[in-house]
Amino acid sequence: MSRNATEAPRLVQIEGRTFRIRTQVVVEEVDGEGAAETTEVIQREDGSFEMMLAGADATSIDKSERAILDTAYPAIRQALSQHLSSVSQKKLNSL
């Protein structure tokens, strides 16, 4: 179930600590340099992941959904890996 921007985000509590989980998906038209279609997900220097779709594919709900899921997966895995590493490090430091 989605919430609108005026509602407070859900917070996740683990062992009494609270964590915020946020996701942002951007679909935008691009022109010029770097606008070539790609069939693979690439990681940009800022840490985000992207894939370029041809105009015909971008108007297909199935192809657009697949591209969004394909770019979201590595972002989710990276965020989860960083989170679990941080939690593990904090546990080690508290011993």
PDB file of N, CA and C in Angstrom:
ATOM      1  N   MET A   1       0.840  -1.176   0.000  1.00  0.00           N
ATOM      2  CA  MET A   1       0.000   0.000   0.000  1.00  0.00           C
ATOM      3  C   MET A   1       0.886   1.240   0.000  1.00  0.00           C
ATOM      4  N   SER A   2       0.603   2.182  -0.888  1.00  0.00           N
ATOM      5  CA  SER A   2       1.423   3.385  -0.961  1.00  0.00           C
ATOM      6  C   SER A   2       0.841   4.473  -0.077  1.00  0.00           C
ATOM      7  N   ARG A   3       1.681   5.404   0.287  1.00  0.00           N
ATOM      8  CA  ARG A   3       1.266   6.538   1.104  1.00  0.00           C
ATOM      9  C   ARG A   3       1.559   7.802   0.321  1.00  0.00           C
ATOM     10  N   ASN A   4       0.839   8.852   0.607  1.00  0.00           N
ATOM     11  CA  ASN A   4       1.133  10.104  -0.080  1.00  0.00           C
ATOM     12  C   ASN A   4       2.228  10.864   0.659  1.00  0.00           C
ATOM     13  N   ALA A   5       2.694  11.939   0.056  1.00  0.00           N
ATOM     14  CA  ALA A   5       3.852  12.671   0.592  1.00  0.00           C
ATOM     15  C   ALA A   5       3.593  13.308   1.946  1.00  0.00           C
ATOM     16  N   THR A   6       2.334  13.514   2.320  1.00  0.00           N
ATOM     17  CA  THR A   6       2.060  14.161   3.594  1.00  0.00           C
ATOM     18  C   THR A   6       2.048  13.187   4.761  1.00  0.00           C
ATOM     19  N   GLU A   7       2.003  11.885   4.479  1.00  0.00           N
ATOM     20  CA  GLU A   7       2.004  10.893   5.544  1.00  0.00           C
ATOM     21  C   GLU A   7       3.436  10.595   5.977  1.00  0.00           C
ATOM     22  N   ALA A   8       3.598  10.312   7.247  1.00  0.00           N
ATOM     23  CA  ALA A   8       4.925   9.990   7.774  1.00  0.00           C
ATOM     24  C   ALA A   8       5.396   8.654   7.208  1.00  0.00           C
ATOM     25  N   PRO A   9       6.698   8.542   6.905  1.00  0.00           N
ATOM     26  CA  PRO A   9       7.201   7.259   6.396  1.00  0.00           C
ATOM     27  C   PRO A   9       7.171   6.194   7.483  1.00  0.00           C
ATOM     28  N   ARG A  10       7.043   4.961   7.071  1.00  0.00           N
ATOM     29  CA  ARG A  10       7.095   3.866   8.031  1.00  0.00           C
ATOM     30  C   ARG A  10       8.544   3.664   8.456  1.00  0.00           C
ATOM     31  N   LEU A  11       8.726   3.409   9.711  1.00  0.00           N
ATOM     32  CA  LEU A  11      10.059   3.173  10.237  1.00  0.00           C
ATOM     33  C   LEU A  11      10.156   1.713  10.643  1.00  0.00           C
ATOM     34  N   VAL A  12      11.323   1.140  10.461  1.00  0.00           N
ATOM     35  CA  VAL A  12      11.558  -0.255  10.789  1.00  0.00           C
ATOM     36  C   VAL A  12      12.381  -0.299  12.065  1.00  0.00           C
ATOM     37  N   GLN A  13      11.916  -1.061  13.045  1.00  0.00           N
ATOM     38  CA  GLN A  13      12.662  -1.175  14.292  1.00  0.00           C
ATOM     39  C   GLN A  13      13.325  -2.536  14.374  1.00  0.00           C
ATOM     40  N   ILE A  14      14.632  -2.519  14.642  1.00  0.00           N
ATOM     41  CA  ILE A  14      15.416  -3.733  14.804  1.00  0.00           C
ATOM     42  C   ILE A  14      16.174  -3.598  16.117  1.00  0.00           C
ATOM     43  N   GLU A  15      15.924  -4.515  17.023  1.00  0.00           N
ATOM     44  CA  GLU A  15      16.596  -4.515  18.320  1.00  0.00           C
ATOM     45  C   GLU A  15      16.511  -3.146  18.989  1.00  0.00           C
ATOM     46  N   GLY A  16      15.319  -2.524  18.942  1.00  0.00           N
ATOM     47  CA  GLY A  16      15.119  -1.245  19.605  1.00  0.00           C
ATOM     48  C   GLY A  16      15.618  -0.039  18.828  1.00  0.00           C
ATOM     49  N   ARG A  17      16.308  -0.254  17.712  1.00  0.00           N
ATOM     50  CA  ARG A  17      16.778   0.867  16.894  1.00  0.00           C
ATOM     51  C   ARG A  17      15.823   1.057  15.729  1.00  0.00           C
ATOM     52  N   THR A  18      15.710   2.276  15.250  1.00  0.00           N
ATOM     53  CA  THR A  18      14.786   2.598  14.168  1.00  0.00           C
ATOM     54  C   THR A  18      15.575   2.941  12.903  1.00  0.00           C
ATOM     55  N   PHE A  19      15.109   2.414  11.776  1.00  0.00           N
ATOM     56  CA  PHE A  19      15.749   2.658  10.480  1.00  0.00           C
ATOM     57  C   PHE A  19      14.690   3.148   9.496  1.00  0.00           C
ATOM     58  N   ARG A  20      15.041   4.103   8.673  1.00  0.00           N
ATOM     59  CA  ARG A  20      14.156   4.587   7.614  1.00  0.00           C
ATOM     60  C   ARG A  20      14.593   3.937   6.306  1.00  0.00           C
ATOM     61  N   ILE A  21      13.627   3.447   5.555  1.00  0.00           N
ATOM     62  CA  ILE A  21      13.909   2.874   4.247  1.00  0.00           C
ATOM     63  C   ILE A  21      13.212   3.747   3.219  1.00  0.00           C
ATOM     64  N   ARG A  22      13.983   4.312   2.269  1.00  0.00           N
ATOM     65  CA  ARG A  22      13.436   5.185   1.237  1.00  0.00           C
ATOM     66  C   ARG A  22      13.867   4.676  -0.134  1.00  0.00           C
ATOM     67  N   THR A  23      12.997   4.853  -1.090  1.00  0.00           N
ATOM     68  CA  THR A  23      13.304   4.477  -2.464  1.00  0.00           C
ATOM     69  C   THR A  23      12.839   5.593  -3.377  1.00  0.00           C
ATOM     70  N   GLN A  24      13.638   5.888  -4.385  1.00  0.00           N
ATOM     71  CA  GLN A  24      13.242   6.886  -5.382  1.00  0.00           C
ATOM     72  C   GLN A  24      13.496   6.286  -6.759  1.00  0.00           C
ATOM     73  N   VAL A  25      12.502   6.346  -7.623  1.00  0.00           N
ATOM     74  CA  VAL A  25      12.641   5.877  -8.995  1.00  0.00           C
ATOM     75  C   VAL A  25      12.383   7.073  -9.897  1.00  0.00           C
ATOM     76  N   VAL A  26      13.288   7.314 -10.837  1.00  0.00           N
ATOM     77  CA  VAL A  26      13.166   8.435 -11.751  1.00  0.00           C
ATOM     78  C   VAL A  26      13.139   7.889 -13.167  1.00  0.00           C
ATOM     79  N   VAL A  27      12.132   8.289 -13.929  1.00  0.00           N
ATOM     80  CA  VAL A  27      12.051   7.965 -15.348  1.00  0.00           C
ATOM     81  C   VAL A  27      12.025   9.302 -16.067  1.00  0.00           C
ATOM     82  N   GLU A  28      13.038   9.540 -16.886  1.00  0.00           N
ATOM     83  CA  GLU A  28      13.125  10.835 -17.550  1.00  0.00           C
ATOM     84  C   GLU A  28      13.604  10.677 -18.983  1.00  0.00           C
ATOM     85  N   GLU A  29      13.162  11.576 -19.826  1.00  0.00           N
ATOM     86  CA  GLU A  29      13.599  11.586 -21.215  1.00  0.00           C
ATOM     87  C   GLU A  29      14.962  12.258 -21.285  1.00  0.00           C
ATOM     88  N   VAL A  30      15.884  11.669 -22.040  1.00  0.00           N
ATOM     89  CA  VAL A  30      17.215  12.245 -22.192  1.00  0.00           C
ATOM     90  C   VAL A  30      17.522  12.413 -23.677  1.00  0.00           C
ATOM     91  N   ASP A  31      18.264  13.443 -23.980  1.00  0.00           N
ATOM     92  CA  ASP A  31      18.697  13.720 -25.349  1.00  0.00           C
ATOM     93  C   ASP A  31      20.197  13.929 -25.359  1.00  0.00           C
ATOM     94  N   GLY A  32      20.785  13.793 -26.526  1.00  0.00           N
ATOM     95  CA  GLY A  32      22.190  14.112 -26.684  1.00  0.00           C
ATOM     96  C   GLY A  32      23.123  13.029 -26.193  1.00  0.00           C
ATOM     97  N   GLU A  33      24.278  13.458 -25.715  1.00  0.00           N
ATOM     98  CA  GLU A  33      25.322  12.534 -25.275  1.00  0.00           C
ATOM     99  C   GLU A  33      24.830  11.663 -24.127  1.00  0.00           C
ATOM    100  N   GLY A  34      25.125  10.393 -24.200  1.00  0.00           N
ATOM    101  CA  GLY A  34      24.731   9.466 -23.155  1.00  0.00           C
ATOM    102  C   GLY A  34      23.316   8.965 -23.301  1.00  0.00           C
ATOM    103  N   ALA A  35      22.655   9.295 -24.426  1.00  0.00           N
ATOM    104  CA  ALA A  35      21.263   8.909 -24.610  1.00  0.00           C
ATOM    105  C   ALA A  35      21.115   7.608 -25.397  1.00  0.00           C
ATOM    106  N   ALA A  36      22.195   6.905 -25.637  1.00  0.00           N
ATOM    107  CA  ALA A  36      22.124   5.660 -26.406  1.00  0.00           C
ATOM    108  C   ALA A  36      21.461   4.571 -25.567  1.00  0.00           C
ATOM    109  N   GLU A  37      20.649   3.759 -26.217  1.00  0.00           N
ATOM    110  CA  GLU A  37      19.975   2.647 -25.540  1.00  0.00           C
ATOM    111  C   GLU A  37      21.014   1.645 -25.054  1.00  0.00           C
ATOM    112  N   THR A  38      20.813   1.108 -23.852  1.00  0.00           N
ATOM    113  CA  THR A  38      21.668   0.055 -23.319  1.00  0.00           C
ATOM    114  C   THR A  38      20.800  -1.119 -22.935  1.00  0.00           C
ATOM    115  N   THR A  39      21.375  -2.285 -22.965  1.00  0.00           N
ATOM    116  CA  THR A  39      20.616  -3.473 -22.557  1.00  0.00           C
ATOM    117  C   THR A  39      21.059  -3.960 -21.190  1.00  0.00           C
ATOM    118  N   GLU A  40      21.994  -3.264 -20.597  1.00  0.00           N
ATOM    119  CA  GLU A  40      22.476  -3.669 -19.280  1.00  0.00           C
ATOM    120  C   GLU A  40      22.362  -2.514 -18.294  1.00  0.00           C
ATOM    121  N   VAL A  41      22.310  -2.863 -17.044  1.00  0.00           N
ATOM    122  CA  VAL A  41      22.250  -1.877 -15.976  1.00  0.00           C
ATOM    123  C   VAL A  41      23.672  -1.431 -15.678  1.00  0.00           C
ATOM    124  N   ILE A  42      23.878  -0.132 -15.594  1.00  0.00           N
ATOM    125  CA  ILE A  42      25.206   0.391 -15.251  1.00  0.00           C
ATOM    126  C   ILE A  42      25.103   1.187 -13.959  1.00  0.00           C
ATOM    127  N   GLN A  43      26.196   1.194 -13.205  1.00  0.00           N
ATOM    128  CA  GLN A  43      26.251   2.001 -11.993  1.00  0.00           C
ATOM    129  C   GLN A  43      26.971   3.292 -12.316  1.00  0.00           C
ATOM    130  N   ARG A  44      26.366   4.396 -11.978  1.00  0.00           N
ATOM    131  CA  ARG A  44      26.954   5.711 -12.227  1.00  0.00           C
ATOM    132  C   ARG A  44      27.897   6.087 -11.084  1.00  0.00           C
ATOM    133  N   GLU A  45      28.679   7.121 -11.303  1.00  0.00           N
ATOM    134  CA  GLU A  45      29.643   7.568 -10.292  1.00  0.00           C
ATOM    135  C   GLU A  45      28.978   7.972  -8.987  1.00  0.00           C
ATOM    136  N   ASP A  46      27.737   8.455  -9.047  1.00  0.00           N
ATOM    137  CA  ASP A  46      27.035   8.880  -7.827  1.00  0.00           C
ATOM    138  C   ASP A  46      26.424   7.713  -7.064  1.00  0.00           C
ATOM    139  N   GLY A  47      26.627   6.484  -7.565  1.00  0.00           N
ATOM    140  CA  GLY A  47      26.123   5.304  -6.887  1.00  0.00           C
ATOM    141  C   GLY A  47      24.769   4.833  -7.381  1.00  0.00           C
ATOM    142  N   SER A  48      24.123   5.627  -8.225  1.00  0.00           N
ATOM    143  CA  SER A  48      22.822   5.222  -8.753  1.00  0.00           C
ATOM    144  C   SER A  48      23.006   4.212  -9.892  1.00  0.00           C
ATOM    145  N   PHE A  49      21.945   3.530 -10.219  1.00  0.00           N
ATOM    146  CA  PHE A  49      21.965   2.542 -11.292  1.00  0.00           C
ATOM    147  C   PHE A  49      21.001   3.003 -12.376  1.00  0.00           C
ATOM    148  N   GLU A  50      21.367   2.747 -13.639  1.00  0.00           N
ATOM    149  CA  GLU A  50      20.489   3.171 -14.718  1.00  0.00           C
ATOM    150  C   GLU A  50      20.563   2.246 -15.919  1.00  0.00           C
ATOM    151  N   MET A  51      19.525   2.357 -16.739  1.00  0.00           N
ATOM    152  CA  MET A  51      19.434   1.650 -18.009  1.00  0.00           C
ATOM    153  C   MET A  51      18.732   2.608 -18.957  1.00  0.00           C
ATOM    154  N   MET A  52      19.119   2.610 -20.209  1.00  0.00           N
ATOM    155  CA  MET A  52      18.487   3.469 -21.202  1.00  0.00           C
ATOM    156  C   MET A  52      17.545   2.629 -22.056  1.00  0.00           C
ATOM    157  N   LEU A  53      16.342   3.136 -22.290  1.00  0.00           N
ATOM    158  CA  LEU A  53      15.362   2.457 -23.131  1.00  0.00           C
ATOM    159  C   LEU A  53      15.135   3.250 -24.405  1.00  0.00           C
ATOM    160  N   ALA A  54      14.932   2.534 -25.504  1.00  0.00           N
ATOM    161  CA  ALA A  54      14.520   3.181 -26.742  1.00  0.00           C
ATOM    162  C   ALA A  54      13.110   3.712 -26.550  1.00  0.00           C
ATOM    163  N   GLY A  55      12.731   4.706 -27.325  1.00  0.00           N
ATOM    164  CA  GLY A  55      11.411   5.312 -27.197  1.00  0.00           C
ATOM    165  C   GLY A  55      10.274   4.314 -27.267  1.00  0.00           C
ATOM    166  N   ALA A  56      10.362   3.353 -28.182  1.00  0.00           N
ATOM    167  CA  ALA A  56       9.296   2.360 -28.323  1.00  0.00           C
ATOM    168  C   ALA A  56       9.192   1.497 -27.067  1.00  0.00           C
ATOM    169  N   ASP A  57      10.324   1.134 -26.496  1.00  0.00           N
ATOM    170  CA  ASP A  57      10.303   0.321 -25.279  1.00  0.00           C
ATOM    171  C   ASP A  57       9.792   1.116 -24.085  1.00  0.00           C
ATOM    172  N   ALA A  58      10.086   2.412 -24.055  1.00  0.00           N
ATOM    173  CA  ALA A  58       9.673   3.252 -22.939  1.00  0.00           C
ATOM    174  C   ALA A  58       8.166   3.480 -22.912  1.00  0.00           C
ATOM    175  N   THR A  59       7.493   3.201 -24.012  1.00  0.00           N
ATOM    176  CA  THR A  59       6.039   3.335 -24.038  1.00  0.00           C
ATOM    177  C   THR A  59       5.334   2.008 -23.764  1.00  0.00           C
ATOM    178  N   SER A  60       6.108   0.960 -23.566  1.00  0.00           N
ATOM    179  CA  SER A  60       5.551  -0.356 -23.237  1.00  0.00           C
ATOM    180  C   SER A  60       5.571  -0.539 -21.727  1.00  0.00           C
ATOM    181  N   ILE A  61       4.412  -0.799 -21.133  1.00  0.00           N
ATOM    182  CA  ILE A  61       4.368  -0.975 -19.682  1.00  0.00           C
ATOM    183  C   ILE A  61       5.213  -2.171 -19.253  1.00  0.00           C
ATOM    184  N   ASP A  62       5.187  -3.257 -20.015  1.00  0.00           N
ATOM    185  CA  ASP A  62       5.962  -4.444 -19.647  1.00  0.00           C
ATOM    186  C   ASP A  62       7.454  -4.180 -19.712  1.00  0.00           C
ATOM    187  N   LYS A  63       7.916  -3.531 -20.786  1.00  0.00           N
ATOM    188  CA  LYS A  63       9.358  -3.269 -20.926  1.00  0.00           C
ATOM    189  C   LYS A  63       9.829  -2.201 -19.942  1.00  0.00           C
ATOM    190  N   SER A  64       8.994  -1.214 -19.695  1.00  0.00           N
ATOM    191  CA  SER A  64       9.362  -0.180 -18.720  1.00  0.00           C
ATOM    192  C   SER A  64       9.411  -0.762 -17.311  1.00  0.00           C
ATOM    193  N   GLU A  65       8.417  -1.575 -16.970  1.00  0.00           N
ATOM    194  CA  GLU A  65       8.415  -2.214 -15.655  1.00  0.00           C
ATOM    195  C   GLU A  65       9.641  -3.105 -15.479  1.00  0.00           C
ATOM    196  N   ARG A  66       9.967  -3.878 -16.481  1.00  0.00           N
ATOM    197  CA  ARG A  66      11.133  -4.768 -16.418  1.00  0.00           C
ATOM    198  C   ARG A  66      12.409  -3.951 -16.213  1.00  0.00           C
ATOM    199  N   ALA A  67      12.547  -2.834 -16.940  1.00  0.00           N
ATOM    200  CA  ALA A  67      13.733  -1.984 -16.798  1.00  0.00           C
ATOM    201  C   ALA A  67      13.822  -1.387 -15.391  1.00  0.00           C
ATOM    202  N   ILE A  68      12.691  -0.957 -14.838  1.00  0.00           N
ATOM    203  CA  ILE A  68      12.693  -0.403 -13.480  1.00  0.00           C
ATOM    204  C   ILE A  68      13.080  -1.477 -12.471  1.00  0.00           C
ATOM    205  N   LEU A  69      12.521  -2.662 -12.606  1.00  0.00           N
ATOM    206  CA  LEU A  69      12.875  -3.754 -11.695  1.00  0.00           C
ATOM    207  C   LEU A  69      14.347  -4.150 -11.854  1.00  0.00           C
ATOM    208  N   ASP A  70      14.840  -4.171 -13.089  1.00  0.00           N
ATOM    209  CA  ASP A  70      16.240  -4.529 -13.327  1.00  0.00           C
ATOM    210  C   ASP A  70      17.206  -3.507 -12.737  1.00  0.00           C
ATOM    211  N   THR A  71      16.844  -2.236 -12.742  1.00  0.00           N
ATOM    212  CA  THR A  71      17.724  -1.225 -12.145  1.00  0.00           C
ATOM    213  C   THR A  71      17.554  -1.149 -10.635  1.00  0.00           C
ATOM    214  N   ALA A  72      16.361  -1.485 -10.142  1.00  0.00           N
ATOM    215  CA  ALA A  72      16.125  -1.435  -8.697  1.00  0.00           C
ATOM    216  C   ALA A  72      16.855  -2.555  -7.959  1.00  0.00           C
ATOM    217  N   TYR A  73      16.925  -3.726  -8.567  1.00  0.00           N
ATOM    218  CA  TYR A  73      17.506  -4.881  -7.876  1.00  0.00           C
ATOM    219  C   TYR A  73      18.948  -4.629  -7.402  1.00  0.00           C
ATOM    220  N   PRO A  74      19.870  -4.182  -8.272  1.00  0.00           N
ATOM    221  CA  PRO A  74      21.225  -3.951  -7.752  1.00  0.00           C
ATOM    222  C   PRO A  74      21.286  -2.821  -6.724  1.00  0.00           C
ATOM    223  N   ALA A  75      20.405  -1.835  -6.857  1.00  0.00           N
ATOM    224  CA  ALA A  75      20.366  -0.753  -5.864  1.00  0.00           C
ATOM    225  C   ALA A  75      19.912  -1.282  -4.511  1.00  0.00           C
ATOM    226  N   ILE A  76      18.909  -2.148  -4.526  1.00  0.00           N
ATOM    227  CA  ILE A  76      18.417  -2.754  -3.287  1.00  0.00           C
ATOM    228  C   ILE A  76      19.498  -3.621  -2.658  1.00  0.00           C
ATOM    229  N   ARG A  77      20.155  -4.447  -3.463  1.00  0.00           N
ATOM    230  CA  ARG A  77      21.205  -5.325  -2.950  1.00  0.00           C
ATOM    231  C   ARG A  77      22.357  -4.515  -2.357  1.00  0.00           C
ATOM    232  N   GLN A  78      22.748  -3.433  -3.021  1.00  0.00           N
ATOM    233  CA  GLN A  78      23.838  -2.611  -2.510  1.00  0.00           C
ATOM    234  C   GLN A  78      23.443  -1.938  -1.197  1.00  0.00           C
ATOM    235  N   ALA A  79      22.235  -1.394  -1.136  1.00  0.00           N
ATOM    236  CA  ALA A  79      21.773  -0.737   0.096  1.00  0.00           C
ATOM    237  C   ALA A  79      21.693  -1.739   1.242  1.00  0.00           C
ATOM    238  N   LEU A  80      21.181  -2.925   0.971  1.00  0.00           N
ATOM    239  CA  LEU A  80      21.085  -3.956   2.002  1.00  0.00           C
ATOM    240  C   LEU A  80      22.467  -4.391   2.477  1.00  0.00           C
ATOM    241  N   SER A  81      23.387  -4.557   1.541  1.00  0.00           N
ATOM    242  CA  SER A  81      24.750  -4.948   1.898  1.00  0.00           C
ATOM    243  C   SER A  81      25.413  -3.891   2.777  1.00  0.00           C
ATOM    244  N   GLN A  82      25.261  -2.615   2.395  1.00  0.00           N
ATOM    245  CA  GLN A  82      25.846  -1.538   3.195  1.00  0.00           C
ATOM    246  C   GLN A  82      25.205  -1.471   4.580  1.00  0.00           C
ATOM    247  N   HIS A  83      23.906  -1.638   4.627  1.00  0.00           N
ATOM    248  CA  HIS A  83      23.197  -1.602   5.910  1.00  0.00           C
ATOM    249  C   HIS A  83      23.660  -2.728   6.826  1.00  0.00           C
ATOM    250  N   LEU A  84      23.695  -3.956   6.305  1.00  0.00           N
ATOM    251  CA  LEU A  84      24.086  -5.094   7.136  1.00  0.00           C
ATOM    252  C   LEU A  84      25.545  -4.998   7.572  1.00  0.00           C
ATOM    253  N   SER A  85      26.407  -4.474   6.714  1.00  0.00           N
ATOM    254  CA  SER A  85      27.806  -4.265   7.089  1.00  0.00           C
ATOM    255  C   SER A  85      27.909  -3.254   8.223  1.00  0.00           C
ATOM    256  N   SER A  86      27.122  -2.184   8.120  1.00  0.00           N
ATOM    257  CA  SER A  86      27.134  -1.156   9.157  1.00  0.00           C
ATOM    258  C   SER A  86      26.620  -1.698  10.487  1.00  0.00           C
ATOM    259  N   VAL A  87      25.526  -2.457  10.436  1.00  0.00           N
ATOM    260  CA  VAL A  87      24.965  -3.049  11.660  1.00  0.00           C
ATOM    261  C   VAL A  87      25.962  -4.014  12.277  1.00  0.00           C
ATOM    262  N   SER A  88      26.606  -4.833  11.450  1.00  0.00           N
ATOM    263  CA  SER A  88      27.600  -5.788  11.953  1.00  0.00           C
ATOM    264  C   SER A  88      28.774  -5.064  12.595  1.00  0.00           C
ATOM    265  N   GLN A  89      29.232  -3.990  11.962  1.00  0.00           N
ATOM    266  CA  GLN A  89      30.365  -3.225  12.494  1.00  0.00           C
ATOM    267  C   GLN A  89      29.997  -2.603  13.851  1.00  0.00           C
ATOM    268  N   LYS A  90      28.758  -2.074  13.947  1.00  0.00           N
ATOM    269  CA  LYS A  90      28.324  -1.481  15.219  1.00  0.00           C
ATOM    270  C   LYS A  90      28.255  -2.532  16.318  1.00  0.00           C
ATOM    271  N   LYS A  91      27.815  -3.749  15.965  1.00  0.00           N
ATOM    272  CA  LYS A  91      27.754  -4.833  16.952  1.00  0.00           C
ATOM    273  C   LYS A  91      29.152  -5.199  17.409  1.00  0.00           C
ATOM    274  N   LEU A  92      30.117  -5.283  16.484  1.00  0.00           N
ATOM    275  CA  LEU A  92      31.493  -5.617  16.842  1.00  0.00           C
ATOM    276  C   LEU A  92      32.099  -4.539  17.743  1.00  0.00           C
ATOM    277  N   ASN A  93      31.812  -3.273  17.417  1.00  0.00           N
ATOM    278  CA  ASN A  93      32.360  -2.172  18.214  1.00  0.00           C
ATOM    279  C   ASN A  93      31.752  -2.088  19.605  1.00  0.00           C
ATOM    280  N   SER A  94      30.541  -2.640  19.772  1.00  0.00           N
ATOM    281  CA  SER A  94      29.900  -2.580  21.089  1.00  0.00           C
ATOM    282  C   SER A  94      30.322  -3.723  22.002  1.00  0.00           C
ATOM    283  N   LEU A  95      31.082  -4.683  21.474  1.00  0.00           N
ATOM    284  CA  LEU A  95      31.521  -5.810  22.304  1.00  0.00           C
ATOM    285  C   LEU A  95      32.678  -5.431  23.189  1.00  0.00           C
TER     286      LEU A  95
END
